[in-house]
Amino acid sequence: MDKVFDPLRKKEVALTPEERVRQWFISVLHDAMQVPYAMMNSEVSLQLGDKKMRSDIVVFARDLRPMMVVECKRPDVELTREVADQIFRYNYVMDVPFVVATNGQNTYICKRNAEGGEILSEAPSFTQMLEEYERYHNGRVSEP
């Protein structure tokens, strides 16, 4: 099986269809959204009650608290309500202002706001995410 170097785990990993999507989105985060590699982690373990879970990518704020969680699916997996439920379970544990679901063909970036949440029409920069993170954790969730 082909392998690819994961800059977050700093090792080669098997290049599965889901891993290809994960590596693509890591490059989007880094190149387009200007998220430093040092502020991302992949395969982050979480626990909700007895259930152990693992999020694909987490982006951290400067205080090292999570501010975005990303769920990556293979390109042939539709981004259904079940995928949304999965990522919102992760968010229940992490309490982040941004959640993302992607299969490499479709990507949804959601930002929590006073109404609950909205799907963004464009990806925020790391600086914009940090600003929103500060508002979010200071009890001033932005208006839609």
Protein backbone atom coordinates (compact mmCIF):
# COMPACT_ATOMS: atom_id res chain seq x y z
CA MET A 1 0.00 0.00 0.00
CA ASP A 2 1.17 3.52 -0.76
CA LYS A 3 2.21 5.74 2.12
CA VAL A 4 2.17 9.47 2.70
CA PHE A 5 4.03 11.62 5.22
CA ASP A 6 1.65 13.16 7.75
CA PRO A 7 3.13 16.50 8.88
CA LEU A 8 1.04 16.43 12.07
CA ARG A 9 1.95 12.94 13.26
CA LYS A 10 5.45 13.37 11.76
CA LYS A 11 5.48 9.90 10.23
CA GLU A 12 4.46 7.98 7.16
CA VAL A 13 0.96 6.54 7.22
CA ALA A 14 -0.99 4.28 4.86
CA LEU A 15 -2.57 6.28 2.05
CA THR A 16 -6.16 5.08 2.38
CA PRO A 17 -8.96 7.04 0.67
CA GLU A 18 -9.86 8.69 4.00
CA GLU A 19 -6.19 9.51 4.69
CA ARG A 20 -5.95 11.16 1.26
CA VAL A 21 -8.88 13.43 2.27
CA ARG A 22 -7.28 14.12 5.67
CA GLN A 23 -3.96 15.09 4.09
CA TRP A 24 -5.73 17.27 1.52
CA PHE A 25 -7.62 19.12 4.28
CA ILE A 26 -4.46 19.52 6.37
CA SER A 27 -2.96 21.29 3.34
CA VAL A 28 -6.09 23.47 3.04
CA LEU A 29 -5.80 24.41 6.71
CA HIS A 30 -2.11 25.19 6.38
CA ASP A 31 -1.89 26.76 2.92
CA ALA A 32 -5.26 28.47 2.43
CA MET A 33 -6.33 29.16 6.02
CA GLN A 34 -2.80 29.87 7.34
CA VAL A 35 -3.04 27.48 10.29
CA PRO A 36 0.48 26.64 11.53
CA TYR A 37 1.18 22.90 11.66
CA ALA A 38 2.05 23.33 15.34
CA MET A 39 -1.56 24.38 16.01
CA MET A 40 -3.07 21.20 14.51
CA ASN A 41 -3.21 17.59 15.60
CA SER A 42 -4.66 14.51 13.94
CA GLU A 43 -6.24 11.37 15.36
CA VAL A 44 -7.15 13.09 18.65
CA SER A 45 -8.70 10.74 21.23
CA LEU A 46 -11.92 11.79 22.92
CA GLN A 47 -14.25 10.17 25.39
CA LEU A 48 -17.97 10.70 25.90
CA GLY A 49 -19.14 8.54 28.80
CA ASP A 50 -17.88 5.01 28.03
CA LYS A 51 -17.61 5.73 24.32
CA LYS A 52 -14.11 6.31 22.97
CA MET A 53 -13.86 8.34 19.79
CA ARG A 54 -11.13 9.80 17.64
CA SER A 55 -11.43 13.04 15.70
CA ASP A 56 -9.54 13.33 12.42
CA ILE A 57 -8.12 16.83 12.87
CA VAL A 58 -8.26 19.37 15.69
CA VAL A 59 -7.12 22.99 15.33
CA PHE A 60 -6.00 24.65 18.55
CA ALA A 61 -6.06 28.27 19.67
CA ARG A 62 -3.01 29.96 21.17
CA ASP A 63 -4.04 28.80 24.68
CA LEU A 64 -3.91 25.21 23.28
CA ARG A 65 -7.64 24.69 23.72
CA PRO A 66 -9.42 23.24 20.68
CA MET A 67 -11.24 25.70 18.42
CA MET A 68 -12.05 23.54 15.37
CA VAL A 69 -12.78 19.86 14.92
CA VAL A 70 -12.68 18.25 11.47
CA GLU A 71 -14.22 14.95 10.41
CA CYS A 72 -12.86 13.47 7.18
CA LYS A 73 -14.67 10.80 5.20
CA ARG A 74 -13.71 8.84 2.10
CA PRO A 75 -14.82 10.54 -1.14
CA ASP A 76 -17.51 7.89 -1.69
CA VAL A 77 -19.13 8.54 1.72
CA GLU A 78 -21.98 11.04 1.63
CA LEU A 79 -22.01 13.76 4.27
CA THR A 80 -25.31 12.74 5.84
CA ARG A 81 -27.11 13.51 9.08
CA GLU A 82 -25.18 10.63 10.69
CA VAL A 83 -21.87 12.36 9.85
CA ALA A 84 -23.24 15.61 11.29
CA ASP A 85 -24.32 13.78 14.45
CA GLN A 86 -20.83 12.28 14.77
CA ILE A 87 -19.08 15.63 14.54
CA PHE A 88 -21.54 17.26 16.93
CA ARG A 89 -20.78 14.49 19.47
CA TYR A 90 -17.12 15.46 19.16
CA ASN A 91 -18.12 19.07 19.68
CA TYR A 92 -20.12 18.12 22.77
CA VAL A 93 -16.81 16.97 24.30
CA MET A 94 -14.62 19.79 22.90
CA ASP A 95 -17.01 22.79 22.84
CA VAL A 96 -15.46 24.50 19.82
CA PRO A 97 -16.78 27.40 17.73
CA PHE A 98 -15.99 25.67 14.39
CA VAL A 99 -16.84 22.19 13.09
CA VAL A 100 -16.00 20.80 9.67
CA ALA A 101 -17.12 17.76 7.70
CA THR A 102 -15.42 16.89 4.42
CA ASN A 103 -15.19 14.01 2.01
CA GLY A 104 -12.80 15.89 -0.29
CA GLN A 105 -15.62 16.60 -2.74
CA ASN A 106 -17.92 18.49 -0.38
CA THR A 107 -16.78 20.46 2.63
CA TYR A 108 -19.00 22.12 5.22
CA ILE A 109 -17.49 24.55 7.71
CA CYS A 110 -19.96 25.49 10.44
CA LYS A 111 -19.55 28.31 12.93
CA ARG A 112 -21.58 28.39 16.10
CA ASN A 113 -23.52 31.60 16.69
CA ALA A 114 -26.41 32.97 18.75
CA GLU A 115 -28.88 31.05 16.55
CA GLY A 116 -27.01 27.75 16.98
CA GLY A 117 -24.84 27.68 13.90
CA GLU A 118 -24.34 28.61 10.27
CA ILE A 119 -22.56 27.05 7.33
CA LEU A 120 -19.87 29.43 6.13
CA SER A 121 -19.62 30.30 2.45
CA GLU A 122 -15.84 30.58 2.68
CA ALA A 123 -13.14 29.24 4.94
CA PRO A 124 -11.98 31.60 7.69
CA SER A 125 -8.31 32.37 8.15
CA PHE A 126 -6.51 31.27 11.29
CA THR A 127 -6.60 34.89 12.51
CA GLN A 128 -10.37 35.07 11.95
CA MET A 129 -10.82 31.77 13.79
CA LEU A 130 -8.79 33.10 16.73
CA GLU A 131 -10.94 36.24 16.88
CA GLU A 132 -14.13 34.16 16.84
CA TYR A 133 -12.67 31.79 19.42
CA GLU A 134 -12.06 34.73 21.78
CA ARG A 135 -15.64 35.98 21.34
CA TYR A 136 -16.98 32.46 21.79
CA HIS A 137 -15.13 31.78 25.02
CA ASN A 138 -15.79 35.21 26.45
CA GLY A 139 -19.52 34.56 26.22
CA ARG A 140 -20.06 36.76 23.21
CA VAL A 141 -21.08 34.27 20.52
CA SER A 142 -21.36 36.25 17.30
CA GLU A 143 -24.63 37.08 15.63
CA PRO A 144 -25.44 35.31 12.37
